[in-house]
């Protein structure tokens, strides 16, 4: 773990491995969300992994109110400059996926490929307003001083009621406590940044990088619609649904109807040959839309195949007084 002053802030980061550089940009609230992927056996043997904690999280400087998406993108670019990396593959989750998109717009030459896990495109999709209203209702709990309850409600809404099985089992010890400690960044800075983010469909269309779009199979409507929008905008999108198996780190898997390689994938239907790191890969033998699907699991280079099963988390139960972020508005997406 290192810490460096970059772009006017102290940024905590970790670099490991060798090969083509891959930058992981974590999402809101859970700053260690990419750790299970990064620590998979083999990834550092094939890639140079750059994992950093954004302003407002862990040992990095606090994020100040009024910070824009461009500022976080500038932090990542400054880190690449510091490390002497001309360009990198960029993987972002949630708010981090928004930063990855902003990097591709502001500095396209610094990005090789994009892996986007549920970017915050609420301003461009029908259910974005509903999502904003739900978060505003939780903001009232945060403003009352109960940060723990506000953190719990946000994470349960985004990841399901059983999210603690993941945070307590797959993430480093104390992940929930760190989320509570960092929740100020979400409510005081990131929400405003998302609302002010001047992302447009025209801006997204200008992105010419290869894009891998990922979403949860039981995710919120705003992220379903965001993935659909990306599929509409790009000429040859790679979109996949995945279901994380909750539990211990060894049980955390990502299931896909295509080749999935540590967060990067190569379509099982073929295509141009490229260098991909694959710790393990899944191909669907059941319906990808089913709540429970049977999968065949293969470890590339090892020749072994074995059956597996992935299940989505149980549906949310929510009090009648709380607006649900999980009900789709079913209005058409912008084109």
Foldseek 3Di string as FASTA:
>chain_A
DDWDQFLNKIKDKDKAADEAEEEEFEAALQLQVCVLLVPQPPPRPHYTYIYIGFALADPMHHDDAPDALVSRLRRVVRVCVVVVQQAHAYEYEACGLVNVLSNCLPPVRRHAEYQYEQYQPLVFWDLSVVVLVQLVVLVVVVVVPCLLVSLQVVCCQFANNPCCLACCAAGPPPSSVSSSVRVCCVNRHVVVNSVPHPDDLVSLLPRDHQYEYEYELQGFPSSVRVLVSNVVRDPDHHYWYWAFAGHHSVRGDTETQAFQASSDGDGPVDDDDDDTHHQKGWHFPADSNDQKGKIWIDGPPPPDIDIDIGGHDDDHDDDPVRRRRRDDPPDDGDD
